[in-house]
Each structure stands twice: as structure tokens, then as C-alpha cells.
């Protein structure tokens, strides 16, 4: 019996050396496309610091943010995704764009993060962390922001360049989380980007 075909749509990488290459995004409830205007604003904000840095996309979905980071000069991108449907397309997207500069981890972000963080801690290279948790209005996701904040509290080392959270606009992210201080917030309709950096 043939497996059920995944429905998906496509979005292009919008800047850098892979500009115009297409990313496939599965049409499933836990994965959504970050708007082009949001992505453009994000990478305009971090453009100069991103070059030759690591980029970690948690709750990666299609990988559109981490792959855009590679296109714009990041040294290496790490992706964590636990949905098998999203994972298949994410692997295809990585293979089609830059598999030599990407590491894909299959599993729950909250379970895998500490191991990846320790690895990056040992490497001590500049690293960006991007969290785009599934919106908490979805079934089973009611505590997703609480758990995400707890994860952010463990991000406290000097190699961390920035932590960026894409979240529901009606959720007010705290001004500080552990050693992280919110430095900027920008709204894009239902989604908002909050930027955090370590206390100086």
C-alpha cells in the first residue's frame, strides 16, 4: 500500500548565496512558514554578526530560518525537529541547499538541547539560537512557552551571540530570562520576534 503523500508548499530563500532556491514546507499543524518580511527583518538585524557563526534552529520545521542563515554567511546550522513528516522534508531541504554545513537532530528539542549545548560550549564558537515553538493555542502545546523559557535559562555562556524567539504577538515575553536580557522586539501581525543577549 502506497504511503500517503505529504502536502506541502514552497518558499524561496530570500537573500545570500542561495537566494531563490526553494524550501519545501509541509502543510501540517505544527509547522508554519516564517513570513518573508519577518525573515528579512531578522537577517537585516543580525547580518554582520552572523558571518562565520553557528546557527541553531530549535523546533526547526522546514528549516527555513537555519538554511537562510547558511545562505547569508553562517558557518554551520544545527536543526532539531521531532515531527517525522516535517523531518523528511527538512532533510530534503538540507540536501538540496547545503548538507555539508548542516547537522540535523531528530527528537524533542527539550530532550536534545542540553547535549547540543554542551557540544557548542566545548567548541566555544559564536552561536545564535532561534526558537520558534509551535503556537500554544494548539492542542498539547499549552505549556510550550513555559518550557521554552526554562530552556533559555540554561543559555548563559560567552559564546552565545544572541537568542531570538518567534512567538505569538499576544504573548508578552519577559524582559529578562536567566542571564539573558531582551534588547529588541518587533511585531509582524500574529508573530513577533524578541531578541535577547547576555547581560554585559
N, C-alpha and C. Protein backbone atom coordinates (compact mmCIF):
# COMPACT_ATOMS: atom_id res chain seq x y z
N UNK A 1 0.85 -1.20 0.00
CA UNK A 1 0.00 0.00 0.00
C UNK A 1 0.89 1.25 0.00
N UNK A 2 0.63 2.15 -0.91
CA UNK A 2 1.46 3.36 -1.04
C UNK A 2 1.26 4.27 0.16
N UNK A 3 2.37 4.89 0.59
CA UNK A 3 2.27 5.81 1.72
C UNK A 3 1.53 7.08 1.30
N UNK A 4 0.89 7.68 2.26
CA UNK A 4 0.12 8.90 1.99
C UNK A 4 1.06 10.03 1.60
N UNK A 5 0.77 10.68 0.52
CA UNK A 5 1.63 11.75 0.02
C UNK A 5 1.50 12.99 0.91
N UNK A 6 2.65 13.59 1.22
CA UNK A 6 2.67 14.79 2.04
C UNK A 6 2.26 15.99 1.19
N UNK A 7 1.34 16.77 1.69
CA UNK A 7 1.03 18.04 1.02
C UNK A 7 2.01 19.09 1.52
N UNK A 8 2.50 19.90 0.61
CA UNK A 8 3.46 20.92 1.02
C UNK A 8 3.36 22.12 0.10
N UNK A 9 3.94 23.21 0.55
CA UNK A 9 4.06 24.38 -0.31
C UNK A 9 5.51 24.83 -0.30
N UNK A 10 5.87 25.76 -1.14
CA UNK A 10 7.26 26.16 -1.28
C UNK A 10 7.45 27.64 -0.98
N UNK A 11 8.63 27.96 -0.45
CA UNK A 11 9.01 29.35 -0.21
C UNK A 11 10.48 29.50 -0.59
N UNK A 12 10.88 30.62 -1.17
CA UNK A 12 12.28 30.75 -1.58
C UNK A 12 13.17 31.28 -0.47
N UNK A 13 14.45 30.94 -0.53
CA UNK A 13 15.45 31.65 0.27
C UNK A 13 15.53 33.06 -0.30
N UNK A 14 15.52 34.07 0.57
CA UNK A 14 15.31 35.43 0.09
C UNK A 14 16.58 36.28 0.00
N UNK A 15 17.72 35.75 0.45
CA UNK A 15 18.94 36.54 0.34
C UNK A 15 20.18 35.67 0.44
N UNK A 16 21.33 36.20 0.03
CA UNK A 16 22.58 35.48 0.16
C UNK A 16 22.90 34.58 -1.01
N UNK A 17 23.87 33.68 -0.80
CA UNK A 17 24.40 32.88 -1.91
C UNK A 17 23.42 31.85 -2.46
N UNK A 18 22.42 31.47 -1.67
CA UNK A 18 21.42 30.51 -2.16
C UNK A 18 20.09 31.18 -2.49
N UNK A 19 20.11 32.48 -2.65
CA UNK A 19 18.88 33.23 -2.95
C UNK A 19 18.13 32.61 -4.12
N UNK A 20 16.82 32.43 -3.93
CA UNK A 20 15.98 31.88 -4.98
C UNK A 20 15.78 30.38 -4.90
N UNK A 21 16.66 29.67 -4.19
CA UNK A 21 16.46 28.23 -4.03
C UNK A 21 15.21 28.00 -3.19
N UNK A 22 14.48 26.95 -3.54
CA UNK A 22 13.19 26.73 -2.90
C UNK A 22 13.29 25.79 -1.70
N UNK A 23 12.51 26.12 -0.66
CA UNK A 23 12.38 25.30 0.53
C UNK A 23 10.96 24.75 0.55
N UNK A 24 10.83 23.45 0.78
CA UNK A 24 9.51 22.83 0.87
C UNK A 24 9.05 22.82 2.32
N UNK A 25 7.80 23.22 2.55
CA UNK A 25 7.23 23.30 3.90
C UNK A 25 6.02 22.39 3.96
N UNK A 26 5.99 21.43 4.90
CA UNK A 26 4.84 20.52 4.98
C UNK A 26 3.60 21.24 5.52
N UNK A 27 2.47 20.90 4.98
CA UNK A 27 1.21 21.51 5.43
C UNK A 27 0.66 20.70 6.60
N UNK A 28 1.34 20.85 7.77
CA UNK A 28 0.89 20.17 8.99
C UNK A 28 0.74 21.21 10.08
N UNK A 29 -0.01 20.86 11.12
CA UNK A 29 -0.42 21.86 12.11
C UNK A 29 0.73 22.44 12.92
N UNK A 30 1.81 21.67 13.13
CA UNK A 30 2.89 22.16 13.99
C UNK A 30 3.94 22.97 13.22
N UNK A 31 3.81 23.03 11.91
CA UNK A 31 4.82 23.72 11.10
C UNK A 31 4.16 24.82 10.29
N UNK A 32 4.76 26.00 10.34
CA UNK A 32 4.25 27.11 9.55
C UNK A 32 5.45 27.85 8.97
N UNK A 33 5.22 28.59 7.93
CA UNK A 33 6.30 29.35 7.31
C UNK A 33 6.47 30.68 8.02
N UNK A 34 7.72 31.01 8.39
CA UNK A 34 8.00 32.35 8.89
C UNK A 34 7.88 33.31 7.71
N UNK A 35 7.09 34.37 7.88
CA UNK A 35 6.83 35.30 6.79
C UNK A 35 8.13 35.85 6.21
N UNK A 36 8.11 36.09 4.89
CA UNK A 36 9.30 36.65 4.25
C UNK A 36 9.71 37.97 4.89
N UNK A 37 8.73 38.80 5.25
CA UNK A 37 9.05 40.11 5.85
C UNK A 37 9.71 39.92 7.21
N UNK A 38 9.27 38.90 7.95
CA UNK A 38 9.88 38.59 9.25
C UNK A 38 11.31 38.10 9.05
N UNK A 39 11.50 37.19 8.10
CA UNK A 39 12.85 36.66 7.84
C UNK A 39 13.79 37.77 7.40
N UNK A 40 13.31 38.62 6.52
CA UNK A 40 14.15 39.72 6.02
C UNK A 40 14.56 40.64 7.17
N UNK A 41 13.63 40.97 8.03
CA UNK A 41 13.93 41.83 9.18
C UNK A 41 14.93 41.16 10.11
N UNK A 42 14.73 39.86 10.37
CA UNK A 42 15.64 39.11 11.24
C UNK A 42 17.07 39.18 10.72
N UNK A 43 17.25 38.87 9.46
CA UNK A 43 18.61 38.79 8.93
C UNK A 43 19.23 40.17 8.67
N UNK A 44 18.41 41.17 8.49
CA UNK A 44 18.94 42.54 8.48
C UNK A 44 19.48 42.92 9.85
N UNK A 45 18.81 42.43 10.90
CA UNK A 45 19.21 42.76 12.27
C UNK A 45 20.53 42.10 12.66
N UNK A 46 20.72 40.83 12.26
CA UNK A 46 21.89 40.08 12.72
C UNK A 46 22.97 39.92 11.65
N UNK A 47 22.81 40.59 10.52
CA UNK A 47 23.63 40.35 9.33
C UNK A 47 25.13 40.29 9.59
N UNK A 48 25.67 41.30 10.24
CA UNK A 48 27.13 41.39 10.36
C UNK A 48 27.69 40.39 11.37
N UNK A 49 26.95 40.13 12.44
CA UNK A 49 27.41 39.20 13.47
C UNK A 49 27.30 37.74 13.02
N UNK A 50 26.43 37.47 12.03
CA UNK A 50 26.14 36.10 11.61
C UNK A 50 27.30 35.45 10.85
N UNK A 51 28.10 36.23 10.17
CA UNK A 51 29.15 35.68 9.30
C UNK A 51 30.10 34.77 10.08
N UNK A 52 30.22 33.52 9.63
CA UNK A 52 31.10 32.51 10.22
C UNK A 52 30.69 32.09 11.63
N UNK A 53 29.46 32.40 12.04
CA UNK A 53 28.95 31.93 13.34
C UNK A 53 28.13 30.66 13.14
N UNK A 54 27.87 29.95 14.23
CA UNK A 54 26.94 28.83 14.21
C UNK A 54 25.52 29.36 14.38
N UNK A 55 24.55 28.61 13.84
CA UNK A 55 23.15 28.99 13.97
C UNK A 55 22.36 27.74 14.36
N UNK A 56 21.61 27.83 15.45
CA UNK A 56 20.82 26.69 15.93
C UNK A 56 19.35 27.01 15.79
N UNK A 57 18.63 26.20 15.00
CA UNK A 57 17.19 26.38 14.84
C UNK A 57 16.47 25.26 15.60
N UNK A 58 15.86 25.64 16.72
CA UNK A 58 15.08 24.70 17.52
C UNK A 58 13.65 24.65 17.00
N UNK A 59 12.97 23.52 17.16
CA UNK A 59 11.63 23.36 16.56
C UNK A 59 11.73 23.71 15.07
N UNK A 60 12.62 23.04 14.35
CA UNK A 60 13.08 23.53 13.05
C UNK A 60 12.04 23.50 11.94
N UNK A 61 11.09 22.56 11.99
CA UNK A 61 10.11 22.51 10.90
C UNK A 61 10.79 22.28 9.56
N UNK A 62 10.60 23.19 8.63
CA UNK A 62 11.18 23.07 7.29
C UNK A 62 12.65 23.49 7.25
N UNK A 63 13.11 24.15 8.32
CA UNK A 63 14.49 24.64 8.33
C UNK A 63 14.69 25.96 7.62
N UNK A 64 13.61 26.68 7.36
CA UNK A 64 13.71 27.89 6.53
C UNK A 64 14.61 28.96 7.15
N UNK A 65 14.66 29.06 8.49
CA UNK A 65 15.49 30.08 9.13
C UNK A 65 16.96 29.67 9.13
N UNK A 66 17.23 28.44 9.54
CA UNK A 66 18.62 27.97 9.58
C UNK A 66 19.25 27.89 8.20
N UNK A 67 18.48 27.54 7.18
CA UNK A 67 19.00 27.49 5.81
C UNK A 67 19.23 28.90 5.27
N UNK A 68 18.35 29.82 5.62
CA UNK A 68 18.56 31.22 5.25
C UNK A 68 19.84 31.74 5.91
N UNK A 69 20.09 31.31 7.16
CA UNK A 69 21.32 31.71 7.86
C UNK A 69 22.55 31.22 7.11
N UNK A 70 22.53 29.98 6.64
CA UNK A 70 23.66 29.47 5.85
C UNK A 70 23.85 30.28 4.57
N UNK A 71 22.75 30.61 3.93
CA UNK A 71 22.82 31.41 2.70
C UNK A 71 23.48 32.76 2.95
N UNK A 72 23.31 33.27 4.16
CA UNK A 72 23.79 34.62 4.47
C UNK A 72 25.11 34.63 5.26
N UNK A 73 25.80 33.51 5.25
CA UNK A 73 27.17 33.53 5.76
C UNK A 73 27.45 32.77 7.04
N UNK A 74 26.43 32.12 7.64
CA UNK A 74 26.70 31.32 8.83
C UNK A 74 27.63 30.17 8.48
N UNK A 75 28.47 29.80 9.44
CA UNK A 75 29.43 28.71 9.22
C UNK A 75 28.74 27.35 9.22
N UNK A 76 27.82 27.15 10.17
CA UNK A 76 27.16 25.85 10.32
C UNK A 76 25.80 26.07 10.95
N UNK A 77 24.80 25.31 10.50
CA UNK A 77 23.47 25.36 11.11
C UNK A 77 23.11 24.00 11.70
N UNK A 78 22.50 24.05 12.88
CA UNK A 78 22.00 22.86 13.56
C UNK A 78 20.48 22.93 13.62
N UNK A 79 19.82 21.80 13.36
CA UNK A 79 18.36 21.75 13.33
C UNK A 79 17.88 20.64 14.25
N UNK A 80 16.88 20.95 15.10
CA UNK A 80 16.22 19.91 15.90
C UNK A 80 14.74 19.87 15.53
N UNK A 81 14.25 18.69 15.17
CA UNK A 81 12.84 18.53 14.79
C UNK A 81 12.38 17.13 15.19
N UNK A 82 11.16 17.03 15.77
CA UNK A 82 10.67 15.73 16.21
C UNK A 82 9.52 15.18 15.36
N UNK A 83 8.89 16.00 14.53
CA UNK A 83 7.79 15.52 13.70
C UNK A 83 8.36 14.80 12.47
N UNK A 84 7.98 13.54 12.28
CA UNK A 84 8.58 12.74 11.21
C UNK A 84 8.24 13.28 9.82
N UNK A 85 7.04 13.82 9.67
CA UNK A 85 6.65 14.39 8.37
C UNK A 85 7.51 15.60 8.05
N UNK A 86 7.64 16.50 9.02
CA UNK A 86 8.49 17.67 8.82
C UNK A 86 9.93 17.26 8.61
N UNK A 87 10.37 16.24 9.34
CA UNK A 87 11.77 15.81 9.27
C UNK A 87 12.16 15.36 7.87
N UNK A 88 11.27 14.65 7.19
CA UNK A 88 11.58 14.17 5.85
C UNK A 88 11.82 15.33 4.89
N UNK A 89 10.95 16.32 4.95
CA UNK A 89 11.13 17.48 4.07
C UNK A 89 12.33 18.31 4.50
N UNK A 90 12.57 18.40 5.80
CA UNK A 90 13.73 19.14 6.30
C UNK A 90 15.02 18.51 5.77
N UNK A 91 15.11 17.20 5.82
CA UNK A 91 16.29 16.51 5.30
C UNK A 91 16.47 16.79 3.81
N UNK A 92 15.36 16.75 3.05
CA UNK A 92 15.43 17.06 1.62
C UNK A 92 15.89 18.49 1.39
N UNK A 93 15.36 19.43 2.19
CA UNK A 93 15.75 20.83 2.04
C UNK A 93 17.25 21.01 2.30
N UNK A 94 17.74 20.37 3.36
CA UNK A 94 19.17 20.44 3.68
C UNK A 94 20.00 19.85 2.55
N UNK A 95 19.60 18.68 2.06
CA UNK A 95 20.35 18.02 0.97
C UNK A 95 20.38 18.87 -0.29
N UNK A 96 19.28 19.58 -0.55
CA UNK A 96 19.18 20.38 -1.77
C UNK A 96 19.93 21.70 -1.68
N UNK A 97 20.21 22.16 -0.46
CA UNK A 97 20.78 23.50 -0.31
C UNK A 97 22.22 23.48 0.19
N UNK A 98 22.50 22.82 1.33
CA UNK A 98 23.88 22.85 1.84
C UNK A 98 24.06 21.79 2.92
N UNK A 99 24.12 20.51 2.51
CA UNK A 99 24.19 19.45 3.50
C UNK A 99 25.55 19.38 4.20
N UNK A 100 26.59 19.95 3.59
CA UNK A 100 27.91 19.91 4.20
C UNK A 100 28.00 20.82 5.42
N UNK A 101 27.13 21.81 5.49
CA UNK A 101 27.20 22.81 6.57
C UNK A 101 26.04 22.69 7.55
N UNK A 102 25.38 21.53 7.56
CA UNK A 102 24.19 21.37 8.40
C UNK A 102 24.25 20.08 9.20
N UNK A 103 23.73 20.14 10.42
CA UNK A 103 23.56 18.96 11.27
C UNK A 103 22.10 18.87 11.67
N UNK A 104 21.48 17.71 11.40
CA UNK A 104 20.07 17.50 11.68
C UNK A 104 19.92 16.51 12.83
N UNK A 105 19.21 16.93 13.87
CA UNK A 105 18.96 16.07 15.03
C UNK A 105 17.47 15.76 15.10
N UNK A 106 17.14 14.47 15.17
CA UNK A 106 15.75 14.04 15.24
C UNK A 106 15.36 13.77 16.68
N UNK A 107 14.35 14.48 17.16
CA UNK A 107 13.86 14.25 18.50
C UNK A 107 13.29 15.52 19.10
N UNK A 108 12.96 15.44 20.38
CA UNK A 108 12.33 16.54 21.10
C UNK A 108 13.36 17.60 21.46
N UNK A 109 13.09 18.84 21.13
CA UNK A 109 14.01 19.94 21.43
C UNK A 109 14.39 19.97 22.91
N UNK A 110 13.41 19.80 23.79
CA UNK A 110 13.67 19.91 25.22
C UNK A 110 14.54 18.76 25.75
N UNK A 111 14.54 17.63 25.05
CA UNK A 111 15.36 16.49 25.46
C UNK A 111 16.77 16.56 24.86
N UNK A 112 16.88 17.07 23.65
CA UNK A 112 18.17 17.06 22.93
C UNK A 112 19.01 18.31 23.15
N UNK A 113 18.38 19.37 23.65
CA UNK A 113 19.08 20.66 23.68
C UNK A 113 20.35 20.63 24.54
N UNK A 114 20.28 20.03 25.74
CA UNK A 114 21.43 20.11 26.64
C UNK A 114 22.66 19.45 26.05
N UNK A 115 22.49 18.35 25.35
CA UNK A 115 23.62 17.68 24.70
C UNK A 115 24.24 18.53 23.62
N UNK A 116 23.40 19.14 22.79
CA UNK A 116 23.91 20.01 21.74
C UNK A 116 24.58 21.23 22.35
N UNK A 117 23.99 21.78 23.40
CA UNK A 117 24.56 22.97 24.04
C UNK A 117 25.96 22.68 24.60
N UNK A 118 26.12 21.52 25.21
CA UNK A 118 27.44 21.14 25.75
C UNK A 118 28.47 21.03 24.63
N UNK A 119 28.06 20.47 23.50
CA UNK A 119 28.97 20.38 22.35
C UNK A 119 29.41 21.77 21.89
N UNK A 120 28.45 22.67 21.77
CA UNK A 120 28.76 24.04 21.33
C UNK A 120 29.57 24.78 22.38
N UNK A 121 29.32 24.48 23.64
CA UNK A 121 30.09 25.04 24.75
C UNK A 121 31.57 24.68 24.61
N UNK A 122 31.83 23.41 24.27
CA UNK A 122 33.20 22.94 24.11
C UNK A 122 33.89 23.58 22.91
N UNK A 123 33.10 23.80 21.84
CA UNK A 123 33.67 24.42 20.63
C UNK A 123 33.91 25.92 20.85
N UNK A 124 33.05 26.53 21.67
CA UNK A 124 33.18 27.95 22.05
C UNK A 124 33.28 28.89 20.86
N UNK A 125 32.50 28.61 19.81
CA UNK A 125 32.44 29.50 18.65
C UNK A 125 31.15 30.32 18.72
N UNK A 126 31.16 31.55 18.19
CA UNK A 126 29.95 32.39 18.25
C UNK A 126 28.73 31.64 17.71
N UNK A 127 27.65 31.69 18.47
CA UNK A 127 26.46 30.90 18.12
C UNK A 127 25.18 31.69 18.37
N UNK A 128 24.26 31.59 17.41
CA UNK A 128 22.92 32.15 17.53
C UNK A 128 21.94 31.01 17.81
N UNK A 129 20.95 31.27 18.66
CA UNK A 129 19.89 30.31 18.93
C UNK A 129 18.55 30.91 18.51
N UNK A 130 17.78 30.14 17.74
CA UNK A 130 16.48 30.61 17.25
C UNK A 130 15.40 29.64 17.71
N UNK A 131 14.46 30.15 18.50
CA UNK A 131 13.36 29.33 19.00
C UNK A 131 12.06 29.78 18.34
N UNK A 132 11.40 28.84 17.70
CA UNK A 132 10.09 29.11 17.11
C UNK A 132 9.15 27.99 17.52
N UNK A 133 8.77 27.96 18.82
CA UNK A 133 7.93 26.85 19.29
C UNK A 133 6.55 26.87 18.66
N UNK A 134 5.92 25.71 18.49
CA UNK A 134 4.55 25.68 17.98
C UNK A 134 3.65 26.56 18.86
N UNK A 135 2.75 27.29 18.23
CA UNK A 135 1.89 28.21 18.98
C UNK A 135 1.13 27.46 20.07
N UNK A 136 1.04 28.06 21.25
CA UNK A 136 0.48 27.39 22.43
C UNK A 136 -1.04 27.19 22.35
N UNK A 137 -1.69 27.78 21.35
CA UNK A 137 -3.13 27.56 21.20
C UNK A 137 -3.43 26.17 20.64
N UNK A 138 -2.40 25.47 20.17
CA UNK A 138 -2.61 24.14 19.61
C UNK A 138 -2.69 23.09 20.72
N UNK A 139 -3.45 22.06 20.47
CA UNK A 139 -3.66 21.02 21.46
C UNK A 139 -2.34 20.37 21.87
N UNK A 140 -2.13 20.23 23.16
CA UNK A 140 -0.91 19.61 23.65
C UNK A 140 0.26 20.57 23.79
N UNK A 141 0.05 21.83 23.42
CA UNK A 141 1.15 22.81 23.41
C UNK A 141 0.97 23.89 24.49
N UNK A 142 0.07 23.64 25.45
CA UNK A 142 -0.30 24.69 26.39
C UNK A 142 0.89 25.20 27.22
N UNK A 143 1.86 24.32 27.51
CA UNK A 143 2.99 24.74 28.35
C UNK A 143 4.26 24.98 27.56
N UNK A 144 4.13 25.14 26.25
CA UNK A 144 5.32 25.23 25.38
C UNK A 144 6.18 26.45 25.70
N UNK A 145 5.56 27.57 26.04
CA UNK A 145 6.35 28.78 26.33
C UNK A 145 7.03 28.68 27.69
N UNK A 146 6.35 28.09 28.66
CA UNK A 146 6.97 27.88 29.97
C UNK A 146 8.22 27.02 29.83
N UNK A 147 8.12 25.93 29.07
CA UNK A 147 9.27 25.05 28.87
C UNK A 147 10.36 25.74 28.04
N UNK A 148 9.96 26.58 27.10
CA UNK A 148 10.94 27.31 26.29
C UNK A 148 11.73 28.31 27.15
N UNK A 149 11.04 28.98 28.07
CA UNK A 149 11.71 29.92 28.97
C UNK A 149 12.69 29.18 29.88
N UNK A 150 12.30 28.00 30.35
CA UNK A 150 13.20 27.20 31.19
C UNK A 150 14.45 26.81 30.39
N UNK A 151 14.26 26.47 29.13
CA UNK A 151 15.40 26.13 28.27
C UNK A 151 16.32 27.35 28.11
N UNK A 152 15.72 28.52 27.90
CA UNK A 152 16.51 29.74 27.71
C UNK A 152 17.35 30.08 28.93
N UNK A 153 16.87 29.71 30.11
CA UNK A 153 17.62 29.99 31.34
C UNK A 153 18.97 29.28 31.36
N UNK A 154 19.10 28.19 30.59
CA UNK A 154 20.36 27.44 30.57
C UNK A 154 21.35 28.01 29.55
N UNK A 155 20.93 29.02 28.79
CA UNK A 155 21.81 29.63 27.77
C UNK A 155 22.51 30.81 28.44
N UNK A 156 23.73 30.60 28.88
CA UNK A 156 24.36 31.62 29.72
C UNK A 156 25.88 31.71 29.56
N UNK A 157 26.39 31.32 28.39
CA UNK A 157 27.84 31.32 28.18
C UNK A 157 28.26 32.38 27.17
N UNK A 158 29.53 32.77 27.26
CA UNK A 158 30.03 33.90 26.46
C UNK A 158 30.04 33.65 24.97
N UNK A 159 29.99 32.37 24.54
CA UNK A 159 29.97 32.09 23.10
C UNK A 159 28.61 32.44 22.47
N UNK A 160 27.61 32.65 23.29
CA UNK A 160 26.25 32.93 22.78
C UNK A 160 26.18 34.37 22.27
N UNK A 161 25.93 34.51 20.99
CA UNK A 161 25.80 35.83 20.37
C UNK A 161 24.43 36.45 20.65
N UNK A 162 23.39 35.62 20.45
CA UNK A 162 22.03 36.13 20.58
C UNK A 162 21.05 34.96 20.65
N UNK A 163 19.94 35.18 21.34
CA UNK A 163 18.83 34.23 21.36
C UNK A 163 17.62 34.97 20.81
N UNK A 164 17.00 34.40 19.78
CA UNK A 164 15.85 35.05 19.14
C UNK A 164 14.65 34.12 19.27
N UNK A 165 13.53 34.68 19.70
CA UNK A 165 12.31 33.89 19.88
C UNK A 165 11.23 34.44 18.94
N UNK A 166 10.68 33.57 18.11
CA UNK A 166 9.50 33.91 17.31
C UNK A 166 8.29 33.38 18.08
N UNK A 167 7.38 34.27 18.43
CA UNK A 167 6.28 33.86 19.30
C UNK A 167 4.98 34.57 18.93
N UNK A 168 3.88 34.11 19.52
CA UNK A 168 2.58 34.74 19.31
C UNK A 168 2.64 36.19 19.80
N UNK A 169 2.08 37.09 19.01
CA UNK A 169 2.16 38.51 19.36
C UNK A 169 1.39 38.86 20.63
N UNK A 170 0.40 38.05 21.00
CA UNK A 170 -0.36 38.37 22.21
C UNK A 170 0.30 37.81 23.47
N UNK A 171 1.49 37.21 23.32
CA UNK A 171 2.26 36.77 24.48
C UNK A 171 3.38 37.77 24.72
N UNK A 172 3.44 38.30 25.93
CA UNK A 172 4.48 39.25 26.31
C UNK A 172 5.67 38.48 26.87
N UNK A 173 6.78 38.50 26.12
CA UNK A 173 7.98 37.82 26.59
C UNK A 173 8.63 38.65 27.69
N UNK A 174 9.22 37.99 28.71
CA UNK A 174 9.82 38.74 29.83
C UNK A 174 11.03 39.56 29.40
N UNK A 175 11.31 40.62 30.16
CA UNK A 175 12.45 41.49 29.85
C UNK A 175 13.78 40.78 30.10
N UNK A 176 13.77 39.81 31.00
CA UNK A 176 14.98 39.03 31.25
C UNK A 176 14.61 37.58 31.50
N UNK A 177 15.49 36.69 31.05
CA UNK A 177 15.33 35.25 31.28
C UNK A 177 16.71 34.73 31.69
N UNK A 178 16.88 34.36 32.95
CA UNK A 178 18.20 33.97 33.41
C UNK A 178 19.17 35.13 33.22
N UNK A 179 20.26 34.88 32.51
CA UNK A 179 21.25 35.93 32.24
C UNK A 179 20.97 36.69 30.95
N UNK A 180 19.88 36.34 30.28
CA UNK A 180 19.54 36.98 29.01
C UNK A 180 18.65 38.20 29.23
N UNK A 181 18.96 39.26 28.50
CA UNK A 181 18.17 40.49 28.56
C UNK A 181 17.55 40.76 27.19
N UNK A 182 16.26 41.11 27.19
CA UNK A 182 15.60 41.44 25.92
C UNK A 182 16.10 42.81 25.44
N UNK A 183 16.61 42.84 24.20
CA UNK A 183 17.18 44.07 23.66
C UNK A 183 16.31 44.69 22.57
N UNK A 184 15.41 43.89 22.01
CA UNK A 184 14.60 44.39 20.89
C UNK A 184 13.39 43.49 20.72
N UNK A 185 12.30 44.09 20.21
CA UNK A 185 11.08 43.34 19.91
C UNK A 185 10.46 43.95 18.66
N UNK A 186 10.05 43.10 17.72
CA UNK A 186 9.42 43.61 16.50
C UNK A 186 8.25 42.72 16.12
N UNK A 187 7.12 43.35 15.87
CA UNK A 187 5.88 42.62 15.60
C UNK A 187 5.60 42.52 14.11
N UNK A 188 5.09 41.34 13.69
CA UNK A 188 4.69 41.10 12.30
C UNK A 188 3.33 40.41 12.33
N UNK A 189 2.27 41.19 12.52
CA UNK A 189 0.93 40.59 12.60
C UNK A 189 0.81 39.67 13.80
N UNK A 190 0.50 38.40 13.57
CA UNK A 190 0.29 37.45 14.66
C UNK A 190 1.60 36.95 15.27
N UNK A 191 2.72 37.20 14.60
CA UNK A 191 4.02 36.75 15.10
C UNK A 191 4.89 37.94 15.49
N UNK A 192 5.72 37.74 16.51
CA UNK A 192 6.65 38.76 16.98
C UNK A 192 8.02 38.13 17.18
N UNK A 193 9.06 38.90 16.90
CA UNK A 193 10.43 38.47 17.19
C UNK A 193 10.91 39.21 18.43
N UNK A 194 11.40 38.46 19.41
CA UNK A 194 12.03 39.06 20.59
C UNK A 194 13.50 38.64 20.60
N UNK A 195 14.39 39.63 20.76
CA UNK A 195 15.84 39.39 20.71
C UNK A 195 16.42 39.49 22.12
N UNK A 196 17.25 38.53 22.46
CA UNK A 196 17.89 38.50 23.78
C UNK A 196 19.41 38.39 23.64
N UNK A 197 20.11 39.09 24.51
CA UNK A 197 21.56 38.95 24.60
C UNK A 197 21.97 38.84 26.07
N UNK A 198 23.16 38.29 26.29
CA UNK A 198 23.65 38.15 27.66
C UNK A 198 23.89 39.50 28.29
N UNK A 199 23.68 39.57 29.60
CA UNK A 199 23.95 40.79 30.36
C UNK A 199 25.41 41.18 30.18
N UNK A 200 25.64 42.47 29.99
CA UNK A 200 27.02 42.97 29.83
C UNK A 200 27.66 43.21 31.18
